[in-house]
Amino acid sequence: MSHNITRVLIPPKRIIVITAPSGAGKSSIVRKLLRQNHTLAFSVSCTTREKRVGEEHGKDYYFVSAEDFKRKLASNEFVEHEEVYPGKFYGTLKSEIEKIWAERKVAVFDIDVKGAEALKKQFGQDALTIFIQPPSKEALINRLKNRGSEDEKSLKARIKRSEEELGYANRFDKIVLNHDFDTAYMRVKNHITNFLAPQTEHVH
């Protein structure tokens, strides 16, 4: 007599990568995801840039000196790293991902397109990469200008970079248009739910 048993396979160690040009709204989506789903945990990146008003060390970023960053790089502590702007380094610490996995959670990244590409290359099928597409280039530029957190020179650099990054959209698993925040959020949430759904197999 054969019994049909359905066995739920525990999902492997997974990561979710939300990427977009600066100003497309990815951070707002990530913040809401983390508030609403406690199986997700934010992977805090390391950076050499200055702390902005309201940011916290260890919560928004690990703010480190260029020397410290280079030391970590030399001792192979990063999964990926990049000089996003001249002299401004960002990187993902291996220890950060391991810490999240040890808590049996899924690591969520809010990261630039090149970092996202590097993570996808490294984690393959265990990484879901979602690109947040702004409604238009003009809307993106307006959002960056309205932030008021940049001087003229760094704003120009950010706009130029954001325009280049729009060309990366097709390199990721999913593209979500952020024309309306709630709609975009629901789409991202649905992609994540599908990605994390437990796999089942039938054992005869």
Protein backbone atom coordinates (compact mmCIF):
# COMPACT_ATOMS: atom_id res chain seq x y z
CA MET A 1 0.00 0.00 0.00
CA SER A 2 1.47 3.36 -0.97
CA HIS A 3 0.95 6.44 1.12
CA ASN A 4 1.10 9.86 -0.44
CA ILE A 5 2.97 12.15 1.91
CA THR A 6 3.45 15.83 1.16
CA ARG A 7 6.67 17.09 2.62
CA VAL A 8 7.23 20.83 3.04
CA LEU A 9 10.77 21.75 2.13
CA ILE A 10 12.23 24.40 4.39
CA PRO A 11 13.29 27.30 2.16
CA PRO A 12 17.04 27.77 1.83
CA LYS A 13 18.78 30.87 3.16
CA ARG A 14 17.29 33.60 1.03
CA ILE A 15 17.67 37.29 0.35
CA ILE A 16 15.39 39.96 -1.13
CA VAL A 17 17.02 42.87 -2.92
CA ILE A 18 15.08 46.06 -3.60
CA THR A 19 16.96 48.32 -5.98
CA ALA A 20 16.30 51.55 -7.89
CA PRO A 21 17.87 54.84 -8.83
CA SER A 22 18.03 57.31 -5.94
CA GLY A 23 14.64 59.04 -5.59
CA ALA A 24 12.47 56.22 -7.02
CA GLY A 25 10.94 55.43 -3.62
CA LYS A 26 12.61 52.11 -2.77
CA SER A 27 13.42 53.05 0.84
CA SER A 28 9.78 53.89 1.63
CA ILE A 29 8.70 50.50 0.24
CA VAL A 30 11.41 48.68 2.23
CA ARG A 31 10.43 50.46 5.47
CA LYS A 32 6.78 49.44 5.07
CA LEU A 33 7.73 45.83 4.24
CA LEU A 34 9.82 45.59 7.42
CA ARG A 35 7.03 47.07 9.54
CA GLN A 36 4.47 44.61 8.21
CA ASN A 37 6.44 41.36 7.91
CA HIS A 38 8.49 40.23 10.86
CA THR A 39 10.12 37.33 9.02
CA LEU A 40 12.09 39.97 7.09
CA ALA A 41 15.12 41.74 8.53
CA PHE A 42 16.95 44.74 7.10
CA SER A 43 20.55 44.12 6.06
CA VAL A 44 22.44 47.19 7.27
CA SER A 45 25.13 48.27 4.81
CA CYS A 46 28.50 49.75 5.64
CA THR A 47 29.34 53.21 4.26
CA THR A 48 32.03 55.85 4.45
CA ARG A 49 29.62 58.71 3.72
CA GLU A 50 28.64 61.21 6.40
CA LYS A 51 25.64 60.50 8.56
CA ARG A 52 22.54 62.52 7.56
CA VAL A 53 20.20 64.16 10.07
CA GLY A 54 18.02 61.53 11.74
CA GLU A 55 20.16 58.56 10.70
CA GLU A 56 21.42 56.07 13.27
CA HIS A 57 24.62 54.04 13.25
CA GLY A 58 23.77 50.33 13.16
CA LYS A 59 20.17 50.99 12.09
CA ASP A 60 20.38 52.91 8.81
CA TYR A 61 24.04 52.18 8.06
CA TYR A 62 27.27 51.26 9.77
CA PHE A 63 29.12 54.55 9.38
CA VAL A 64 32.85 53.84 9.17
CA SER A 65 36.01 55.69 8.14
CA ALA A 66 37.61 55.07 4.74
CA GLU A 67 40.54 53.39 6.56
CA ASP A 68 38.22 51.06 8.44
CA PHE A 69 36.34 50.23 5.23
CA LYS A 70 39.59 49.39 3.42
CA ARG A 71 40.69 47.24 6.34
CA LYS A 72 37.45 45.22 6.15
CA LEU A 73 37.90 44.94 2.40
CA ALA A 74 41.44 43.64 2.80
CA SER A 75 40.26 40.98 5.26
CA ASN A 76 37.49 39.87 2.86
CA GLU A 77 34.56 40.84 5.09
CA PHE A 78 32.27 42.06 2.28
CA VAL A 79 29.90 40.10 0.04
CA GLU A 80 29.85 43.07 -2.33
CA HIS A 81 31.17 46.62 -2.23
CA GLU A 82 31.33 49.64 -4.47
CA GLU A 83 32.58 53.18 -4.70
CA VAL A 84 29.17 54.70 -5.49
CA TYR A 85 30.46 58.29 -5.62
CA PRO A 86 34.12 59.35 -5.59
CA GLY A 87 35.47 58.55 -2.12
CA LYS A 88 32.07 57.28 -0.92
CA PHE A 89 32.17 53.51 -0.41
CA TYR A 90 29.26 51.18 0.35
CA GLY A 91 29.39 47.47 1.11
CA THR A 92 27.46 44.48 2.46
CA LEU A 93 29.11 42.65 5.35
CA LYS A 94 29.02 38.84 5.29
CA SER A 95 28.53 38.91 9.08
CA GLU A 96 25.32 40.95 8.65
CA ILE A 97 23.69 38.33 6.40
CA GLU A 98 24.86 35.46 8.64
CA LYS A 99 23.39 37.23 11.69
CA ILE A 100 19.97 37.56 9.97
CA TRP A 101 20.00 33.93 8.82
CA ALA A 102 20.94 32.80 12.34
CA GLU A 103 17.68 34.44 13.49
CA ARG A 104 15.89 32.35 10.81
CA LYS A 105 14.86 35.49 8.94
CA VAL A 106 15.12 36.64 5.34
CA ALA A 107 17.63 39.42 4.64
CA VAL A 108 16.20 42.46 2.84
CA PHE A 109 18.45 44.90 0.99
CA ASP A 110 17.83 48.51 -0.02
CA ILE A 111 20.77 48.92 -2.36
CA ASP A 112 22.00 50.54 -5.57
CA VAL A 113 21.79 48.72 -8.91
CA LYS A 114 25.42 47.58 -9.11
CA GLY A 115 25.32 46.18 -5.59
CA ALA A 116 22.04 44.43 -6.45
CA GLU A 117 23.60 42.89 -9.55
CA ALA A 118 26.57 41.63 -7.53
CA LEU A 119 24.25 40.02 -4.94
CA LYS A 120 22.19 38.33 -7.67
CA LYS A 121 25.35 36.93 -9.23
CA GLN A 122 26.45 35.56 -5.88
CA PHE A 123 23.13 34.14 -4.57
CA GLY A 124 21.40 33.19 -7.86
CA GLN A 125 18.02 31.50 -7.33
CA ASP A 126 18.12 32.26 -3.60
CA ALA A 127 17.95 36.01 -4.33
CA LEU A 128 14.86 37.88 -5.54
CA THR A 129 15.81 41.20 -7.13
CA ILE A 130 13.11 43.85 -7.62
CA PHE A 131 13.74 47.09 -9.52
CA ILE A 132 11.53 50.04 -8.55
CA GLN A 133 10.83 52.09 -11.67
CA PRO A 134 9.95 55.78 -11.25
CA PRO A 135 6.96 57.03 -13.32
CA SER A 136 9.31 59.14 -15.45
CA LYS A 137 12.79 60.62 -15.54
CA GLU A 138 11.31 64.05 -14.76
CA ALA A 139 9.51 62.73 -11.67
CA LEU A 140 12.77 61.19 -10.47
CA ILE A 141 14.72 64.44 -10.92
CA ASN A 142 11.99 66.42 -9.13
CA ARG A 143 12.06 64.02 -6.16
CA LEU A 144 15.83 64.38 -5.87
CA LYS A 145 15.60 68.19 -6.00
CA ASN A 146 12.79 68.30 -3.43
CA ARG A 147 14.79 66.32 -0.88
CA GLY A 148 16.91 69.38 -0.20
CA SER A 149 19.67 67.19 1.25
CA GLU A 150 22.23 67.90 -1.50
CA ASP A 151 24.29 70.86 -2.59
CA GLU A 152 24.23 71.77 -6.31
CA LYS A 153 27.31 69.72 -7.18
CA SER A 154 26.28 66.50 -5.42
CA LEU A 155 22.71 66.89 -6.74
CA LYS A 156 24.07 66.98 -10.32
CA ALA A 157 26.15 63.86 -9.66
CA ARG A 158 23.11 62.09 -8.18
CA ILE A 159 20.85 63.03 -11.12
CA LYS A 160 23.45 61.88 -13.65
CA ARG A 161 23.87 58.57 -11.83
CA SER A 162 20.12 58.03 -11.45
CA GLU A 163 19.61 58.55 -15.19
CA GLU A 164 22.28 55.91 -15.92
CA GLU A 165 20.73 53.50 -13.42
CA LEU A 166 17.34 53.59 -15.18
CA GLY A 167 19.04 51.58 -17.94
CA TYR A 168 19.64 48.66 -15.54
CA ALA A 169 15.95 47.76 -15.08
CA ASN A 170 15.94 44.65 -17.29
CA ARG A 171 18.81 43.03 -15.38
CA PHE A 172 16.56 42.17 -12.42
CA ASP A 173 13.93 39.51 -11.71
CA LYS A 174 10.99 41.90 -11.42
CA ILE A 175 10.25 45.51 -12.37
CA VAL A 176 7.62 47.39 -10.35
CA LEU A 177 6.43 50.83 -11.50
CA ASN A 178 6.09 53.25 -8.58
CA HIS A 179 3.43 55.55 -10.02
CA ASP A 180 1.21 55.08 -6.98
CA PHE A 181 2.90 54.04 -3.72
CA ASP A 182 0.19 51.67 -2.41
CA THR A 183 -0.09 49.83 -5.73
CA ALA A 184 3.69 49.52 -6.03
CA TYR A 185 3.94 48.29 -2.43
CA MET A 186 1.29 45.58 -3.00
CA ARG A 187 3.07 44.38 -6.14
CA VAL A 188 6.40 44.12 -4.32
CA LYS A 189 4.71 42.34 -1.41
CA ASN A 190 3.08 39.80 -3.78
CA HIS A 191 6.38 39.07 -5.54
CA ILE A 192 8.00 38.43 -2.14
CA THR A 193 5.13 36.20 -0.95
CA ASN A 194 5.44 34.05 -4.09
CA PHE A 195 9.22 33.87 -3.77
CA LEU A 196 9.08 32.77 -0.12
CA ALA A 197 6.17 30.31 -0.47
CA PRO A 198 7.32 26.97 0.98
CA GLN A 199 8.14 24.41 -1.70
CA THR A 200 6.27 21.15 -1.40
CA GLU A 201 7.07 17.77 -2.85
CA HIS A 202 4.98 14.61 -2.96
CA VAL A 203 6.66 11.53 -1.61
CA HIS A 204 5.20 8.19 -2.67
